[in-house]
Amino acid sequence: MWSTVELLEAIAAGLGEHERALAREQAVYGLDALSEVELHPLIASSLERSGWQVVRECVYPGDAEVKRSARDRCDLVLAPEGASGVRDPVRERQLSEGTLFAECPIRGEEADAEDAYWLEVKTVGQWGLTHGVCCANAGYAAELRGLVEDLGKLGRDPVIRFGGVLVVLFTETEAAGAHDLDVVVHQALDRGLPAGVPERSGFAMTDRLGNAWCTVAIVPARCTRWMERLG
């Protein structure tokens, strides 16, 4: 139903286009100077230009025991073609229990959460800005390992069937990005976490801070709770 390769190609093309535009403008800073949250709109617009509907900061559908305001949120959620958004099964159940909403039909324009693609975003750079000064990122390895936690959240949710972690990794060389991503994925597997085989792309970028390559990868989550629910 979902092609990780197609999603990855759309994101990499959009980010690469933006980086090349910055280079043409001879901008002082590039993509690697943006925060993770600042990259979200660029990623979302890249996907939307390819025809997908994107919902930002969508609550996890399986968090049934906590209030909506306290529920974990996924960075980007893609709805299937023709859908305007993603249905929240917890909210619908809470509204319907003991109320007239129990007789209301489900709105057809929203997709079921289990049919959407849930995408967490992790952005890490070998080099970055600290108080406006270019320097090596002392927290690089720990930040990259953060994708492990996101894989765990996706894999534990009993409703999510399709999902993954999008990694935007800025490094000195292409080889460094490939090596470091492989290391952290193997660490996730060694811990028994639901990491699938990563799909990756990338592009060269103007070296402003020390990073000359951007690796863009999606590490699919094996949604084990979904399979347990079916079994």
C-alpha atoms as a PDB file:
ATOM      1  CA  MET A   1       0.000   0.000   0.000  1.00  0.00           C
ATOM      2  CA  TRP A   2       2.849   2.377   0.858  1.00  0.00           C
ATOM      3  CA  SER A   3       6.145   2.559  -1.031  1.00  0.00           C
ATOM      4  CA  THR A   4       8.992   3.647   1.217  1.00  0.00           C
ATOM      5  CA  VAL A   5      11.111   4.259  -1.881  1.00  0.00           C
ATOM      6  CA  GLU A   6       8.558   6.676  -3.356  1.00  0.00           C
ATOM      7  CA  LEU A   7       8.253   8.576  -0.086  1.00  0.00           C
ATOM      8  CA  LEU A   8      12.029   8.791   0.225  1.00  0.00           C
ATOM      9  CA  GLU A   9      12.501   9.985  -3.355  1.00  0.00           C
ATOM     10  CA  ALA A  10       9.959  12.770  -2.881  1.00  0.00           C
ATOM     11  CA  ILE A  11      11.558  13.966   0.358  1.00  0.00           C
ATOM     12  CA  ALA A  12      15.134  13.797  -0.941  1.00  0.00           C
ATOM     13  CA  ALA A  13      14.166  15.647  -4.123  1.00  0.00           C
ATOM     14  CA  GLY A  14      12.438  18.412  -2.177  1.00  0.00           C
ATOM     15  CA  LEU A  15      15.253  18.902   0.326  1.00  0.00           C
ATOM     16  CA  GLY A  16      17.902  18.743  -2.386  1.00  0.00           C
ATOM     17  CA  GLU A  17      16.062  21.365  -4.423  1.00  0.00           C
ATOM     18  CA  HIS A  18      15.900  23.660  -1.404  1.00  0.00           C
ATOM     19  CA  GLU A  19      19.617  23.237  -0.695  1.00  0.00           C
ATOM     20  CA  ARG A  20      20.511  24.015  -4.315  1.00  0.00           C
ATOM     21  CA  ALA A  21      18.339  27.140  -4.160  1.00  0.00           C
ATOM     22  CA  LEU A  22      20.245  28.291  -1.081  1.00  0.00           C
ATOM     23  CA  ALA A  23      23.532  27.669  -2.908  1.00  0.00           C
ATOM     24  CA  ARG A  24      22.384  29.756  -5.877  1.00  0.00           C
ATOM     25  CA  GLU A  25      21.486  32.562  -3.495  1.00  0.00           C
ATOM     26  CA  GLN A  26      24.933  32.209  -1.884  1.00  0.00           C
ATOM     27  CA  ALA A  27      23.147  31.976   1.459  1.00  0.00           C
ATOM     28  CA  VAL A  28      25.313  32.128   4.559  1.00  0.00           C
ATOM     29  CA  TYR A  29      23.654  29.025   6.015  1.00  0.00           C
ATOM     30  CA  GLY A  30      22.164  25.900   4.465  1.00  0.00           C
ATOM     31  CA  LEU A  31      19.789  23.131   5.442  1.00  0.00           C
ATOM     32  CA  ASP A  32      22.116  21.946   8.205  1.00  0.00           C
ATOM     33  CA  ALA A  33      21.581  25.209  10.105  1.00  0.00           C
ATOM     34  CA  LEU A  34      17.837  24.544  10.396  1.00  0.00           C
ATOM     35  CA  SER A  35      16.331  22.886  13.445  1.00  0.00           C
ATOM     36  CA  GLU A  36      14.369  19.667  13.173  1.00  0.00           C
ATOM     37  CA  VAL A  37      11.084  21.542  13.576  1.00  0.00           C
ATOM     38  CA  GLU A  38      12.117  24.048  10.895  1.00  0.00           C
ATOM     39  CA  LEU A  39      12.691  21.173   8.474  1.00  0.00           C
ATOM     40  CA  HIS A  40       9.204  19.732   9.032  1.00  0.00           C
ATOM     41  CA  PRO A  41       7.422  22.195   6.674  1.00  0.00           C
ATOM     42  CA  LEU A  42      10.003  21.528   3.935  1.00  0.00           C
ATOM     43  CA  ILE A  43       9.519  17.775   4.269  1.00  0.00           C
ATOM     44  CA  ALA A  44       5.735  18.097   4.367  1.00  0.00           C
ATOM     45  CA  SER A  45       5.633  20.327   1.290  1.00  0.00           C
ATOM     46  CA  SER A  46       7.903  17.898  -0.591  1.00  0.00           C
ATOM     47  CA  LEU A  47       5.421  15.102   0.083  1.00  0.00           C
ATOM     48  CA  GLU A  48       2.391  17.245  -0.694  1.00  0.00           C
ATOM     49  CA  ARG A  49       3.827  18.247  -4.072  1.00  0.00           C
ATOM     50  CA  SER A  50       3.947  14.532  -4.884  1.00  0.00           C
ATOM     51  CA  GLY A  51       0.252  14.168  -4.095  1.00  0.00           C
ATOM     52  CA  TRP A  52       0.132  12.987  -0.487  1.00  0.00           C
ATOM     53  CA  GLN A  53      -1.972  14.572   2.235  1.00  0.00           C
ATOM     54  CA  VAL A  54       0.205  15.312   5.278  1.00  0.00           C
ATOM     55  CA  VAL A  55      -0.970  15.869   8.851  1.00  0.00           C
ATOM     56  CA  ARG A  56       1.540  17.364  11.282  1.00  0.00           C
ATOM     57  CA  GLU A  57       1.757  16.574  15.013  1.00  0.00           C
ATOM     58  CA  CYS A  58      -0.909  13.868  14.916  1.00  0.00           C
ATOM     59  CA  VAL A  59      -1.653  12.038  18.174  1.00  0.00           C
ATOM     60  CA  TYR A  60      -0.729   8.370  18.344  1.00  0.00           C
ATOM     61  CA  PRO A  61      -3.902   6.328  17.819  1.00  0.00           C
ATOM     62  CA  GLY A  62      -3.202   3.663  20.427  1.00  0.00           C
ATOM     63  CA  ASP A  63      -2.827   5.964  23.456  1.00  0.00           C
ATOM     64  CA  ALA A  64      -6.220   5.105  24.872  1.00  0.00           C
ATOM     65  CA  GLU A  65      -5.556   5.630  28.575  1.00  0.00           C
ATOM     66  CA  VAL A  66      -4.348   9.238  28.565  1.00  0.00           C
ATOM     67  CA  LYS A  67      -5.909  12.599  27.840  1.00  0.00           C
ATOM     68  CA  ARG A  68      -5.491  13.908  24.289  1.00  0.00           C
ATOM     69  CA  SER A  69      -3.286  16.794  25.419  1.00  0.00           C
ATOM     70  CA  ALA A  70      -0.833  14.355  27.019  1.00  0.00           C
ATOM     71  CA  ARG A  71      -0.727  11.767  24.240  1.00  0.00           C
ATOM     72  CA  ASP A  72       2.439  11.298  22.200  1.00  0.00           C
ATOM     73  CA  ARG A  73       2.355  12.961  18.797  1.00  0.00           C
ATOM     74  CA  CYS A  74       3.896  11.787  15.561  1.00  0.00           C
ATOM     75  CA  ASP A  75       5.770  14.394  13.516  1.00  0.00           C
ATOM     76  CA  LEU A  76       4.160  13.707  10.121  1.00  0.00           C
ATOM     77  CA  VAL A  77       1.332  11.375   9.154  1.00  0.00           C
ATOM     78  CA  LEU A  78       0.449  10.643   5.530  1.00  0.00           C
ATOM     79  CA  ALA A  79      -3.143   9.919   4.615  1.00  0.00           C
ATOM     80  CA  PRO A  80      -4.005   7.615   1.700  1.00  0.00           C
ATOM     81  CA  GLU A  81      -5.015   9.155  -1.603  1.00  0.00           C
ATOM     82  CA  GLY A  82      -8.373  10.912  -1.473  1.00  0.00           C
ATOM     83  CA  ALA A  83      -8.430  11.341   2.311  1.00  0.00           C
ATOM     84  CA  SER A  84      -8.393  14.769   3.930  1.00  0.00           C
ATOM     85  CA  GLY A  85      -6.891  13.636   7.200  1.00  0.00           C
ATOM     86  CA  VAL A  86      -6.531  10.788   9.680  1.00  0.00           C
ATOM     87  CA  ARG A  87      -9.254   9.635  12.038  1.00  0.00           C
ATOM     88  CA  ASP A  88      -8.455   9.476  15.763  1.00  0.00           C
ATOM     89  CA  PRO A  89     -10.036   6.218  17.009  1.00  0.00           C
ATOM     90  CA  VAL A  90      -9.573   7.127  20.671  1.00  0.00           C
ATOM     91  CA  ARG A  91     -11.380  10.447  20.347  1.00  0.00           C
ATOM     92  CA  GLU A  92     -14.211   8.901  18.337  1.00  0.00           C
ATOM     93  CA  ARG A  93     -14.687   6.182  20.931  1.00  0.00           C
ATOM     94  CA  GLN A  94     -14.703   8.710  23.760  1.00  0.00           C
ATOM     95  CA  LEU A  95     -17.299  10.816  21.957  1.00  0.00           C
ATOM     96  CA  SER A  96     -19.511   7.882  21.083  1.00  0.00           C
ATOM     97  CA  GLU A  97     -19.628   6.101  24.444  1.00  0.00           C
ATOM     98  CA  GLY A  98     -22.993   6.786  25.980  1.00  0.00           C
ATOM     99  CA  THR A  99     -23.832   9.637  23.605  1.00  0.00           C
ATOM    100  CA  LEU A 100     -25.741  10.231  20.404  1.00  0.00           C
ATOM    101  CA  PHE A 101     -22.409  10.097  18.564  1.00  0.00           C
ATOM    102  CA  ALA A 102     -22.670   6.316  18.742  1.00  0.00           C
ATOM    103  CA  GLU A 103     -25.251   6.467  15.937  1.00  0.00           C
ATOM    104  CA  CYS A 104     -23.283   8.892  13.759  1.00  0.00           C
ATOM    105  CA  PRO A 105     -21.593   7.506  10.635  1.00  0.00           C
ATOM    106  CA  ILE A 106     -17.845   7.779  10.324  1.00  0.00           C
ATOM    107  CA  ARG A 107     -16.791  10.688   8.137  1.00  0.00           C
ATOM    108  CA  GLY A 108     -15.649   9.252   4.839  1.00  0.00           C
ATOM    109  CA  GLU A 109     -13.077  11.956   4.091  1.00  0.00           C
ATOM    110  CA  GLU A 110     -10.819  10.875   6.951  1.00  0.00           C
ATOM    111  CA  ALA A 111      -8.685   7.761   6.677  1.00  0.00           C
ATOM    112  CA  ASP A 112      -8.392   5.054   9.309  1.00  0.00           C
ATOM    113  CA  ALA A 113      -5.240   5.426  11.390  1.00  0.00           C
ATOM    114  CA  GLU A 114      -4.180   1.898  10.451  1.00  0.00           C
ATOM    115  CA  ASP A 115      -4.170   2.830   6.747  1.00  0.00           C
ATOM    116  CA  ALA A 116      -1.977   5.944   7.206  1.00  0.00           C
ATOM    117  CA  TYR A 117       1.822   6.116   7.148  1.00  0.00           C
ATOM    118  CA  TRP A 118       3.284   7.394  10.433  1.00  0.00           C
ATOM    119  CA  LEU A 119       6.612   9.165  10.006  1.00  0.00           C
ATOM    120  CA  GLU A 120       8.835  10.368  12.827  1.00  0.00           C
ATOM    121  CA  VAL A 121      11.630  12.772  11.844  1.00  0.00           C
ATOM    122  CA  LYS A 122      15.162  12.735  13.220  1.00  0.00           C
ATOM    123  CA  THR A 123      17.657  15.408  12.092  1.00  0.00           C
ATOM    124  CA  VAL A 124      21.294  15.201  13.153  1.00  0.00           C
ATOM    125  CA  GLY A 125      24.484  16.951  12.026  1.00  0.00           C
ATOM    126  CA  GLN A 126      28.155  16.152  12.617  1.00  0.00           C
ATOM    127  CA  TRP A 127      28.766  19.885  12.593  1.00  0.00           C
ATOM    128  CA  GLY A 128      26.468  22.703  13.653  1.00  0.00           C
ATOM    129  CA  LEU A 129      26.102  26.085  15.262  1.00  0.00           C
ATOM    130  CA  THR A 130      26.498  26.656  18.992  1.00  0.00           C
ATOM    131  CA  HIS A 131      25.768  30.216  20.072  1.00  0.00           C
ATOM    132  CA  GLY A 132      26.361  31.259  16.485  1.00  0.00           C
ATOM    133  CA  VAL A 133      29.761  29.537  16.279  1.00  0.00           C
ATOM    134  CA  CYS A 134      30.464  26.618  13.930  1.00  0.00           C
ATOM    135  CA  CYS A 135      31.735  23.569  15.808  1.00  0.00           C
ATOM    136  CA  ALA A 136      31.588  19.788  15.970  1.00  0.00           C
ATOM    137  CA  ASN A 137      28.374  18.451  17.481  1.00  0.00           C
ATOM    138  CA  ALA A 138      29.353  16.908  20.814  1.00  0.00           C
ATOM    139  CA  GLY A 139      25.971  15.197  21.078  1.00  0.00           C
ATOM    140  CA  TYR A 140      26.032  13.729  17.570  1.00  0.00           C
ATOM    141  CA  ALA A 141      26.064  10.024  18.491  1.00  0.00           C
ATOM    142  CA  ALA A 142      23.437  10.379  21.239  1.00  0.00           C
ATOM    143  CA  GLU A 143      21.135  12.407  18.991  1.00  0.00           C
ATOM    144  CA  LEU A 144      21.398   9.846  16.214  1.00  0.00           C
ATOM    145  CA  ARG A 145      20.529   7.061  18.653  1.00  0.00           C
ATOM    146  CA  GLY A 146      17.300   8.952  19.299  1.00  0.00           C
ATOM    147  CA  LEU A 147      15.794   7.206  16.292  1.00  0.00           C
ATOM    148  CA  VAL A 148      15.753   4.048  18.413  1.00  0.00           C
ATOM    149  CA  GLU A 149      13.168   5.586  20.760  1.00  0.00           C
ATOM    150  CA  ASP A 150      11.009   6.637  17.815  1.00  0.00           C
ATOM    151  CA  LEU A 151      11.119   3.121  16.363  1.00  0.00           C
ATOM    152  CA  GLY A 152       9.974   1.801  19.713  1.00  0.00           C
ATOM    153  CA  LYS A 153       6.993   4.180  19.838  1.00  0.00           C
ATOM    154  CA  LEU A 154       5.883   3.198  16.351  1.00  0.00           C
ATOM    155  CA  GLY A 155       6.347  -0.506  16.935  1.00  0.00           C
ATOM    156  CA  ARG A 156       4.478  -0.545  20.250  1.00  0.00           C
ATOM    157  CA  ASP A 157       1.339   1.202  19.030  1.00  0.00           C
ATOM    158  CA  PRO A 158      -1.373  -1.453  18.495  1.00  0.00           C
ATOM    159  CA  VAL A 159      -3.145   0.541  15.760  1.00  0.00           C
ATOM    160  CA  ILE A 160      -0.253   1.606  13.540  1.00  0.00           C
ATOM    161  CA  ARG A 161       0.412  -0.744  10.642  1.00  0.00           C
ATOM    162  CA  PHE A 162       2.725   1.399   8.454  1.00  0.00           C
ATOM    163  CA  GLY A 163       5.436   3.688   9.779  1.00  0.00           C
ATOM    164  CA  GLY A 164       9.089   4.573   9.935  1.00  0.00           C
ATOM    165  CA  VAL A 165      11.712   7.054  11.070  1.00  0.00           C
ATOM    166  CA  LEU A 166      12.920   9.610   8.540  1.00  0.00           C
ATOM    167  CA  VAL A 167      16.585  10.408   9.207  1.00  0.00           C
ATOM    168  CA  VAL A 168      18.084  13.592   7.747  1.00  0.00           C
ATOM    169  CA  LEU A 169      21.780  13.232   8.497  1.00  0.00           C
ATOM    170  CA  PHE A 170      24.374  15.928   7.743  1.00  0.00           C
ATOM    171  CA  THR A 171      27.957  14.651   7.638  1.00  0.00           C
ATOM    172  CA  GLU A 172      31.389  15.506   6.277  1.00  0.00           C
ATOM    173  CA  THR A 173      31.240  12.714   3.680  1.00  0.00           C
ATOM    174  CA  GLU A 174      28.709  10.338   2.136  1.00  0.00           C
ATOM    175  CA  ALA A 175      30.602   7.370   3.579  1.00  0.00           C
ATOM    176  CA  ALA A 176      30.384   8.775   7.119  1.00  0.00           C
ATOM    177  CA  GLY A 177      26.607   9.134   6.877  1.00  0.00           C
ATOM    178  CA  ALA A 178      26.147   5.596   5.544  1.00  0.00           C
ATOM    179  CA  HIS A 179      28.409   4.115   8.221  1.00  0.00           C
ATOM    180  CA  ASP A 180      26.832   5.955  11.146  1.00  0.00           C
ATOM    181  CA  LEU A 181      23.291   5.115  10.074  1.00  0.00           C
ATOM    182  CA  ASP A 182      24.176   1.421   9.725  1.00  0.00           C
ATOM    183  CA  VAL A 183      25.716   1.427  13.201  1.00  0.00           C
ATOM    184  CA  VAL A 184      22.643   2.854  14.923  1.00  0.00           C
ATOM    185  CA  VAL A 185      20.242   0.550  13.024  1.00  0.00           C
ATOM    186  CA  HIS A 186      22.278  -2.473  14.102  1.00  0.00           C
ATOM    187  CA  GLN A 187      22.205  -1.179  17.676  1.00  0.00           C
ATOM    188  CA  ALA A 188      18.419  -1.046  17.463  1.00  0.00           C
ATOM    189  CA  LEU A 189      18.290  -4.616  16.150  1.00  0.00           C
ATOM    190  CA  ASP A 190      20.642  -5.815  18.899  1.00  0.00           C
ATOM    191  CA  ARG A 191      18.195  -4.387  21.440  1.00  0.00           C
ATOM    192  CA  GLY A 192      15.317  -6.263  19.831  1.00  0.00           C
ATOM    193  CA  LEU A 193      13.671  -3.103  18.504  1.00  0.00           C
ATOM    194  CA  PRO A 194      11.481  -3.223  15.399  1.00  0.00           C
ATOM    195  CA  ALA A 195      13.877  -1.796  12.791  1.00  0.00           C
ATOM    196  CA  GLY A 196      13.483  -2.776   9.153  1.00  0.00           C
ATOM    197  CA  VAL A 197      16.027  -2.424   6.346  1.00  0.00           C
ATOM    198  CA  PRO A 198      16.648   1.303   5.684  1.00  0.00           C
ATOM    199  CA  GLU A 199      16.014   2.892   2.312  1.00  0.00           C
ATOM    200  CA  ARG A 200      18.441   5.731   1.675  1.00  0.00           C
ATOM    201  CA  SER A 201      19.199   8.556  -0.708  1.00  0.00           C
ATOM    202  CA  GLY A 202      21.215  11.761  -0.437  1.00  0.00           C
ATOM    203  CA  PHE A 203      22.861  14.699  -2.117  1.00  0.00           C
ATOM    204  CA  ALA A 204      25.975  16.855  -1.938  1.00  0.00           C
ATOM    205  CA  MET A 205      25.648  20.227  -0.252  1.00  0.00           C
ATOM    206  CA  THR A 206      27.724  23.366   0.063  1.00  0.00           C
ATOM    207  CA  ASP A 207      30.089  23.017   3.004  1.00  0.00           C
ATOM    208  CA  ARG A 208      29.295  25.964   5.255  1.00  0.00           C
ATOM    209  CA  LEU A 209      29.547  24.418   8.711  1.00  0.00           C
ATOM    210  CA  GLY A 210      31.621  21.302   8.033  1.00  0.00           C
ATOM    211  CA  ASN A 211      28.898  19.131   6.505  1.00  0.00           C
ATOM    212  CA  ALA A 212      29.223  18.408   2.769  1.00  0.00           C
ATOM    213  CA  TRP A 213      26.702  15.561   2.397  1.00  0.00           C
ATOM    214  CA  CYS A 214      23.076  15.025   3.385  1.00  0.00           C
ATOM    215  CA  THR A 215      21.896  11.449   3.836  1.00  0.00           C
ATOM    216  CA  VAL A 216      18.115  11.059   3.681  1.00  0.00           C
ATOM    217  CA  ALA A 217      16.872   7.669   4.859  1.00  0.00           C
ATOM    218  CA  ILE A 218      13.702   6.002   6.067  1.00  0.00           C
ATOM    219  CA  VAL A 219      14.103   3.216   8.617  1.00  0.00           C
ATOM    220  CA  PRO A 220      10.827   1.255   8.492  1.00  0.00           C
ATOM    221  CA  ALA A 221       9.272   0.142  11.754  1.00  0.00           C
ATOM    222  CA  ARG A 222       8.110  -3.444  11.983  1.00  0.00           C
ATOM    223  CA  CYS A 223       4.785  -2.818  13.687  1.00  0.00           C
ATOM    224  CA  THR A 224       4.764  -5.872  15.922  1.00  0.00           C
ATOM    225  CA  ARG A 225       1.813  -4.833  18.067  1.00  0.00           C
ATOM    226  CA  TRP A 226      -0.344  -4.688  14.933  1.00  0.00           C
ATOM    227  CA  MET A 227       0.657  -8.244  14.036  1.00  0.00           C
ATOM    228  CA  GLU A 228       0.020  -9.412  17.599  1.00  0.00           C
ATOM    229  CA  ARG A 229      -3.439  -7.843  17.455  1.00  0.00           C
ATOM    230  CA  LEU A 230      -4.237  -9.749  14.257  1.00  0.00           C
ATOM    231  CA  GLY A 231      -2.821 -12.983  15.614  1.00  0.00           C
END
